[in-house]
């Protein structure tokens, strides 16, 4: 793309989250971020180091999964 790009394309990212309170103090969770593994829109005006994307607004990792738990003391 040329540096005089007039606009940045729209971008939609879909995530899923599932949480469960095992007890009053223990919570388990699992989530998938960027389910469809969409790449962020090209932004020729952003001085990106790794890619021409505004990584202040977009995550460059693509699809990823997280599982974990929280414990209250």
PDB file of N, CA and C in Angstrom:
ATOM      1  N   UNK A   1       0.843  -1.183   0.000  1.00  0.00           N
ATOM      2  CA  UNK A   1       0.000   0.000   0.000  1.00  0.00           C
ATOM      3  C   UNK A   1       0.886   1.244   0.000  1.00  0.00           C
ATOM      4  N   UNK A   2       0.356   2.300  -0.460  1.00  0.00           N
ATOM      5  CA  UNK A   2       1.106   3.546  -0.523  1.00  0.00           C
ATOM      6  C   UNK A   2       0.997   4.309   0.791  1.00  0.00           C
ATOM      7  N   UNK A   3       1.973   5.156   1.053  1.00  0.00           N
ATOM      8  CA  UNK A   3       2.009   5.895   2.313  1.00  0.00           C
ATOM      9  C   UNK A   3       0.909   6.946   2.410  1.00  0.00           C
ATOM     10  N   UNK A   4       0.316   7.345   1.288  1.00  0.00           N
ATOM     11  CA  UNK A   4      -0.750   8.345   1.342  1.00  0.00           C
ATOM     12  C   UNK A   4      -2.130   7.681   1.400  1.00  0.00           C
ATOM     13  N   UNK A   5      -2.226   6.606   2.082  1.00  0.00           N
ATOM     14  CA  UNK A   5      -3.484   5.874   2.269  1.00  0.00           C
ATOM     15  C   UNK A   5      -4.515   6.807   2.902  1.00  0.00           C
ATOM     16  N   UNK A   6      -5.722   6.842   2.362  1.00  0.00           N
ATOM     17  CA  UNK A   6      -6.739   7.774   2.837  1.00  0.00           C
ATOM     18  C   UNK A   6      -7.523   7.268   4.033  1.00  0.00           C
ATOM     19  N   UNK A   7      -7.699   5.960   4.154  1.00  0.00           N
ATOM     20  CA  UNK A   7      -8.457   5.432   5.286  1.00  0.00           C
ATOM     21  C   UNK A   7      -7.963   4.030   5.628  1.00  0.00           C
ATOM     22  N   UNK A   8      -8.283   3.607   6.826  1.00  0.00           N
ATOM     23  CA  UNK A   8      -7.946   2.258   7.287  1.00  0.00           C
ATOM     24  C   UNK A   8      -9.232   1.444   7.257  1.00  0.00           C
ATOM     25  N   UNK A   9      -9.162   0.252   6.709  1.00  0.00           N
ATOM     26  CA  UNK A   9     -10.352  -0.605   6.618  1.00  0.00           C
ATOM     27  C   UNK A   9     -10.903  -0.940   7.998  1.00  0.00           C
ATOM     28  N   UNK A  10     -12.186  -1.275   8.028  1.00  0.00           N
ATOM     29  CA  UNK A  10     -12.808  -1.665   9.290  1.00  0.00           C
ATOM     30  C   UNK A  10     -12.273  -3.024   9.730  1.00  0.00           C
ATOM     31  N   UNK A  11     -12.468  -3.322  11.001  1.00  0.00           N
ATOM     32  CA  UNK A  11     -11.935  -4.552  11.561  1.00  0.00           C
ATOM     33  C   UNK A  11     -12.873  -5.028  12.664  1.00  0.00           C
ATOM     34  N   UNK A  12     -13.206  -6.293  12.643  1.00  0.00           N
ATOM     35  CA  UNK A  12     -14.057  -6.882  13.672  1.00  0.00           C
ATOM     36  C   UNK A  12     -13.354  -8.108  14.225  1.00  0.00           C
ATOM     37  N   UNK A  13     -13.273  -8.174  15.526  1.00  0.00           N
ATOM     38  CA  UNK A  13     -12.655  -9.334  16.171  1.00  0.00           C
ATOM     39  C   UNK A  13     -13.681  -9.957  17.094  1.00  0.00           C
ATOM     40  N   UNK A  14     -13.813 -11.278  17.042  1.00  0.00           N
ATOM     41  CA  UNK A  14     -14.765 -11.987  17.878  1.00  0.00           C
ATOM     42  C   UNK A  14     -14.022 -12.844  18.894  1.00  0.00           C
ATOM     43  N   UNK A  15     -14.462 -12.727  20.144  1.00  0.00           N
ATOM     44  CA  UNK A  15     -13.856 -13.457  21.240  1.00  0.00           C
ATOM     45  C   UNK A  15     -14.936 -14.275  21.949  1.00  0.00           C
ATOM     46  N   UNK A  16     -14.519 -15.314  22.667  1.00  0.00           N
ATOM     47  CA  UNK A  16     -15.451 -16.122  23.464  1.00  0.00           C
ATOM     48  C   UNK A  16     -14.850 -16.298  24.849  1.00  0.00           C
ATOM     49  N   UNK A  17     -15.699 -16.251  25.868  1.00  0.00           N
ATOM     50  CA  UNK A  17     -15.250 -16.375  27.246  1.00  0.00           C
ATOM     51  C   UNK A  17     -16.219 -17.273  27.990  1.00  0.00           C
ATOM     52  N   UNK A  18     -15.691 -18.185  28.785  1.00  0.00           N
ATOM     53  CA  UNK A  18     -16.506 -19.060  29.617  1.00  0.00           C
ATOM     54  C   UNK A  18     -15.899 -19.059  31.006  1.00  0.00           C
ATOM     55  N   UNK A  19     -16.705 -18.739  32.001  1.00  0.00           N
ATOM     56  CA  UNK A  19     -16.223 -18.710  33.376  1.00  0.00           C
ATOM     57  C   UNK A  19     -17.133 -19.532  34.263  1.00  0.00           C
ATOM     58  N   UNK A  20     -16.572 -20.075  35.329  1.00  0.00           N
ATOM     59  CA  UNK A  20     -17.339 -20.893  36.255  1.00  0.00           C
ATOM     60  C   UNK A  20     -16.836 -20.647  37.671  1.00  0.00           C
ATOM     61  N   UNK A  21     -17.757 -20.338  38.574  1.00  0.00           N
ATOM     62  CA  UNK A  21     -17.416 -20.159  39.981  1.00  0.00           C
ATOM     63  C   UNK A  21     -17.484 -21.530  40.646  1.00  0.00           C
ATOM     64  N   UNK A  22     -16.326 -22.167  40.853  1.00  0.00           N
ATOM     65  CA  UNK A  22     -16.278 -23.492  41.463  1.00  0.00           C
ATOM     66  C   UNK A  22     -16.707 -23.420  42.927  1.00  0.00           C
ATOM     67  N   UNK A  23     -16.239 -22.398  43.611  1.00  0.00           N
ATOM     68  CA  UNK A  23     -16.666 -22.113  44.981  1.00  0.00           C
ATOM     69  C   UNK A  23     -16.808 -20.604  45.090  1.00  0.00           C
ATOM     70  N   UNK A  24     -17.072 -20.155  46.296  1.00  0.00           N
ATOM     71  CA  UNK A  24     -17.203 -18.712  46.496  1.00  0.00           C
ATOM     72  C   UNK A  24     -15.872 -17.989  46.266  1.00  0.00           C
ATOM     73  N   UNK A  25     -14.750 -18.702  46.433  1.00  0.00           N
ATOM     74  CA  UNK A  25     -13.440 -18.077  46.317  1.00  0.00           C
ATOM     75  C   UNK A  25     -12.623 -18.538  45.111  1.00  0.00           C
ATOM     76  N   UNK A  26     -13.080 -19.534  44.397  1.00  0.00           N
ATOM     77  CA  UNK A  26     -12.321 -20.076  43.262  1.00  0.00           C
ATOM     78  C   UNK A  26     -13.139 -19.956  41.987  1.00  0.00           C
ATOM     79  N   UNK A  27     -12.560 -19.340  40.978  1.00  0.00           N
ATOM     80  CA  UNK A  27     -13.216 -19.194  39.675  1.00  0.00           C
ATOM     81  C   UNK A  27     -12.288 -19.707  38.587  1.00  0.00           C
ATOM     82  N   UNK A  28     -12.834 -20.485  37.681  1.00  0.00           N
ATOM     83  CA  UNK A  28     -12.089 -21.018  36.547  1.00  0.00           C
ATOM     84  C   UNK A  28     -12.565 -20.322  35.283  1.00  0.00           C
ATOM     85  N   UNK A  29     -11.689 -20.160  34.306  1.00  0.00           N
ATOM     86  CA  UNK A  29     -12.113 -19.531  33.063  1.00  0.00           C
ATOM     87  C   UNK A  29     -11.318 -20.078  31.879  1.00  0.00           C
ATOM     88  N   UNK A  30     -11.912 -19.932  30.722  1.00  0.00           N
ATOM     89  CA  UNK A  30     -11.267 -20.264  29.451  1.00  0.00           C
ATOM     90  C   UNK A  30     -11.757 -19.247  28.437  1.00  0.00           C
ATOM     91  N   UNK A  31     -10.867 -18.815  27.559  1.00  0.00           N
ATOM     92  CA  UNK A  31     -11.306 -17.883  26.522  1.00  0.00           C
ATOM     93  C   UNK A  31     -10.476 -18.057  25.263  1.00  0.00           C
ATOM     94  N   UNK A  32     -11.112 -17.697  24.162  1.00  0.00           N
ATOM     95  CA  UNK A  32     -10.465 -17.690  22.857  1.00  0.00           C
ATOM     96  C   UNK A  32     -10.592 -16.272  22.343  1.00  0.00           C
ATOM     97  N   UNK A  33      -9.485 -15.671  21.997  1.00  0.00           N
ATOM     98  CA  UNK A  33      -9.516 -14.320  21.450  1.00  0.00           C
ATOM     99  C   UNK A  33      -9.175 -14.371  19.971  1.00  0.00           C
ATOM    100  N   UNK A  34      -9.895 -13.574  19.196  1.00  0.00           N
ATOM    101  CA  UNK A  34      -9.752 -13.527  17.738  1.00  0.00           C
ATOM    102  C   UNK A  34     -10.062 -14.909  17.140  1.00  0.00           C
ATOM    103  N   UNK A  35     -11.259 -15.368  17.384  1.00  0.00           N
ATOM    104  CA  UNK A  35     -11.707 -16.710  16.985  1.00  0.00           C
ATOM    105  C   UNK A  35     -11.417 -17.010  15.517  1.00  0.00           C
ATOM    106  N   UNK A  36     -11.666 -16.071  14.634  1.00  0.00           N
ATOM    107  CA  UNK A  36     -11.505 -16.306  13.197  1.00  0.00           C
ATOM    108  C   UNK A  36     -10.107 -15.961  12.687  1.00  0.00           C
ATOM    109  N   UNK A  37      -9.195 -15.646  13.591  1.00  0.00           N
ATOM    110  CA  UNK A  37      -7.796 -15.368  13.264  1.00  0.00           C
ATOM    111  C   UNK A  37      -7.661 -14.284  12.200  1.00  0.00           C
ATOM    112  N   UNK A  38      -8.396 -13.193  12.391  1.00  0.00           N
ATOM    113  CA  UNK A  38      -8.377 -12.072  11.444  1.00  0.00           C
ATOM    114  C   UNK A  38      -7.148 -11.193  11.658  1.00  0.00           C
ATOM    115  N   UNK A  39      -6.499 -10.826  10.586  1.00  0.00           N
ATOM    116  CA  UNK A  39      -5.361  -9.904  10.667  1.00  0.00           C
ATOM    117  C   UNK A  39      -5.885  -8.475  10.748  1.00  0.00           C
ATOM    118  N   UNK A  40      -5.204  -7.608  11.489  1.00  0.00           N
ATOM    119  CA  UNK A  40      -5.629  -6.211  11.561  1.00  0.00           C
ATOM    120  C   UNK A  40      -5.493  -5.537  10.202  1.00  0.00           C
ATOM    121  N   UNK A  41      -6.239  -4.447   9.986  1.00  0.00           N
ATOM    122  CA  UNK A  41      -6.142  -3.744   8.710  1.00  0.00           C
ATOM    123  C   UNK A  41      -4.795  -3.042   8.544  1.00  0.00           C
ATOM    124  N   UNK A  42      -4.335  -2.977   7.328  1.00  0.00           N
ATOM    125  CA  UNK A  42      -3.078  -2.304   6.995  1.00  0.00           C
ATOM    126  C   UNK A  42      -3.234  -0.807   7.228  1.00  0.00           C
ATOM    127  N   UNK A  43      -2.230  -0.212   7.848  1.00  0.00           N
ATOM    128  CA  UNK A  43      -2.238   1.227   8.097  1.00  0.00           C
ATOM    129  C   UNK A  43      -0.884   1.784   7.677  1.00  0.00           C
ATOM    130  N   UNK A  44      -0.820   2.341   6.483  1.00  0.00           N
ATOM    131  CA  UNK A  44       0.440   2.822   5.916  1.00  0.00           C
ATOM    132  C   UNK A  44       1.018   4.007   6.690  1.00  0.00           C
ATOM    133  N   UNK A  45       0.199   4.712   7.456  1.00  0.00           N
ATOM    134  CA  UNK A  45       0.702   5.874   8.179  1.00  0.00           C
ATOM    135  C   UNK A  45       1.290   5.513   9.539  1.00  0.00           C
ATOM    136  N   UNK A  46       1.103   4.269   9.991  1.00  0.00           N
ATOM    137  CA  UNK A  46       1.625   3.882  11.300  1.00  0.00           C
ATOM    138  C   UNK A  46       3.070   3.412  11.167  1.00  0.00           C
ATOM    139  N   UNK A  47       3.979   3.976  11.952  1.00  0.00           N
ATOM    140  CA  UNK A  47       5.395   3.590  11.828  1.00  0.00           C
ATOM    141  C   UNK A  47       5.698   2.299  12.598  1.00  0.00           C
ATOM    142  N   UNK A  48       5.059   1.219  12.195  1.00  0.00           N
ATOM    143  CA  UNK A  48       5.217  -0.057  12.889  1.00  0.00           C
ATOM    144  C   UNK A  48       6.607  -0.644  12.722  1.00  0.00           C
ATOM    145  N   UNK A  49       7.090  -1.287  13.749  1.00  0.00           N
ATOM    146  CA  UNK A  49       8.397  -1.929  13.714  1.00  0.00           C
ATOM    147  C   UNK A  49       8.262  -3.331  13.132  1.00  0.00           C
ATOM    148  N   UNK A  50       7.290  -4.110  13.623  1.00  0.00           N
ATOM    149  CA  UNK A  50       7.117  -5.490  13.180  1.00  0.00           C
ATOM    150  C   UNK A  50       6.163  -5.611  11.999  1.00  0.00           C
ATOM    151  N   UNK A  51       5.186  -4.754  11.926  1.00  0.00           N
ATOM    152  CA  UNK A  51       4.186  -4.827  10.858  1.00  0.00           C
ATOM    153  C   UNK A  51       3.529  -3.462  10.710  1.00  0.00           C
ATOM    154  N   UNK A  52       2.957  -3.179   9.559  1.00  0.00           N
ATOM    155  CA  UNK A  52       2.296  -1.875   9.350  1.00  0.00           C
ATOM    156  C   UNK A  52       0.886  -1.845   9.952  1.00  0.00           C
ATOM    157  N   UNK A  53       0.786  -2.134  11.245  1.00  0.00           N
ATOM    158  CA  UNK A  53      -0.482  -2.100  11.975  1.00  0.00           C
ATOM    159  C   UNK A  53      -0.287  -1.237  13.210  1.00  0.00           C
ATOM    160  N   UNK A  54      -1.351  -0.614  13.650  1.00  0.00           N
ATOM    161  CA  UNK A  54      -1.306   0.155  14.883  1.00  0.00           C
ATOM    162  C   UNK A  54      -1.460  -0.817  16.042  1.00  0.00           C
ATOM    163  N   UNK A  55      -0.353  -1.294  16.612  1.00  0.00           N
ATOM    164  CA  UNK A  55      -0.454  -2.289  17.668  1.00  0.00           C
ATOM    165  C   UNK A  55      -0.899  -1.684  18.994  1.00  0.00           C
ATOM    166  N   UNK A  56      -1.148  -0.391  19.030  1.00  0.00           N
ATOM    167  CA  UNK A  56      -1.811   0.217  20.185  1.00  0.00           C
ATOM    168  C   UNK A  56      -3.296  -0.104  20.177  1.00  0.00           C
ATOM    169  N   UNK A  57      -3.820  -0.451  19.009  1.00  0.00           N
ATOM    170  CA  UNK A  57      -5.243  -0.774  18.873  1.00  0.00           C
ATOM    171  C   UNK A  57      -5.491  -2.238  18.536  1.00  0.00           C
ATOM    172  N   UNK A  58      -4.545  -2.909  17.924  1.00  0.00           N
ATOM    173  CA  UNK A  58      -4.739  -4.276  17.459  1.00  0.00           C
ATOM    174  C   UNK A  58      -3.674  -5.191  18.038  1.00  0.00           C
ATOM    175  N   UNK A  59      -4.045  -6.408  18.274  1.00  0.00           N
ATOM    176  CA  UNK A  59      -3.119  -7.409  18.779  1.00  0.00           C
ATOM    177  C   UNK A  59      -2.574  -8.197  17.599  1.00  0.00           C
ATOM    178  N   UNK A  60      -1.285  -8.309  17.486  1.00  0.00           N
ATOM    179  CA  UNK A  60      -0.667  -8.965  16.337  1.00  0.00           C
ATOM    180  C   UNK A  60      -0.533 -10.475  16.498  1.00  0.00           C
ATOM    181  N   UNK A  61      -0.957 -11.029  17.620  1.00  0.00           N
ATOM    182  CA  UNK A  61      -0.767 -12.454  17.866  1.00  0.00           C
ATOM    183  C   UNK A  61      -1.705 -13.356  17.081  1.00  0.00           C
ATOM    184  N   UNK A  62      -2.774 -12.824  16.530  1.00  0.00           N
ATOM    185  CA  UNK A  62      -3.750 -13.692  15.860  1.00  0.00           C
ATOM    186  C   UNK A  62      -4.624 -14.376  16.893  1.00  0.00           C
ATOM    187  N   UNK A  63      -5.089 -15.571  16.586  1.00  0.00           N
ATOM    188  CA  UNK A  63      -5.950 -16.313  17.511  1.00  0.00           C
ATOM    189  C   UNK A  63      -5.103 -16.883  18.649  1.00  0.00           C
ATOM    190  N   UNK A  64      -5.639 -16.775  19.862  1.00  0.00           N
ATOM    191  CA  UNK A  64      -4.953 -17.415  20.980  1.00  0.00           C
ATOM    192  C   UNK A  64      -5.945 -17.793  22.071  1.00  0.00           C
ATOM    193  N   UNK A  65      -5.516 -18.723  22.890  1.00  0.00           N
ATOM    194  CA  UNK A  65      -6.354 -19.321  23.924  1.00  0.00           C
ATOM    195  C   UNK A  65      -5.765 -19.017  25.300  1.00  0.00           C
ATOM    196  N   UNK A  66      -6.638 -18.883  26.264  1.00  0.00           N
ATOM    197  CA  UNK A  66      -6.203 -18.697  27.646  1.00  0.00           C
ATOM    198  C   UNK A  66      -7.078 -19.562  28.548  1.00  0.00           C
ATOM    199  N   UNK A  67      -6.482 -20.175  29.514  1.00  0.00           N
ATOM    200  CA  UNK A  67      -7.206 -20.865  30.562  1.00  0.00           C
ATOM    201  C   UNK A  67      -6.573 -20.456  31.880  1.00  0.00           C
ATOM    202  N   UNK A  68      -7.355 -20.413  32.924  1.00  0.00           N
ATOM    203  CA  UNK A  68      -6.781 -20.015  34.189  1.00  0.00           C
ATOM    204  C   UNK A  68      -7.783 -20.087  35.317  1.00  0.00           C
ATOM    205  N   UNK A  69      -7.352 -19.609  36.450  1.00  0.00           N
ATOM    206  CA  UNK A  69      -8.220 -19.569  37.614  1.00  0.00           C
ATOM    207  C   UNK A  69      -7.850 -18.377  38.471  1.00  0.00           C
ATOM    208  N   UNK A  70      -8.813 -17.931  39.243  1.00  0.00           N
ATOM    209  CA  UNK A  70      -8.631 -16.849  40.210  1.00  0.00           C
ATOM    210  C   UNK A  70      -9.002 -17.390  41.575  1.00  0.00           C
ATOM    211  N   UNK A  71      -8.217 -17.051  42.571  1.00  0.00           N
ATOM    212  CA  UNK A  71      -8.492 -17.469  43.945  1.00  0.00           C
ATOM    213  C   UNK A  71      -8.502 -16.229  44.824  1.00  0.00           C
ATOM    214  N   UNK A  72      -9.542 -16.079  45.600  1.00  0.00           N
ATOM    215  CA  UNK A  72      -9.647 -14.963  46.550  1.00  0.00           C
ATOM    216  C   UNK A  72      -9.183 -15.441  47.921  1.00  0.00           C
ATOM    217  N   UNK A  73      -8.400 -14.603  48.594  1.00  0.00           N
ATOM    218  CA  UNK A  73      -7.925 -14.959  49.944  1.00  0.00           C
ATOM    219  C   UNK A  73      -8.639 -14.154  50.986  1.00  0.00           C
TER     220      UNK A  73
END
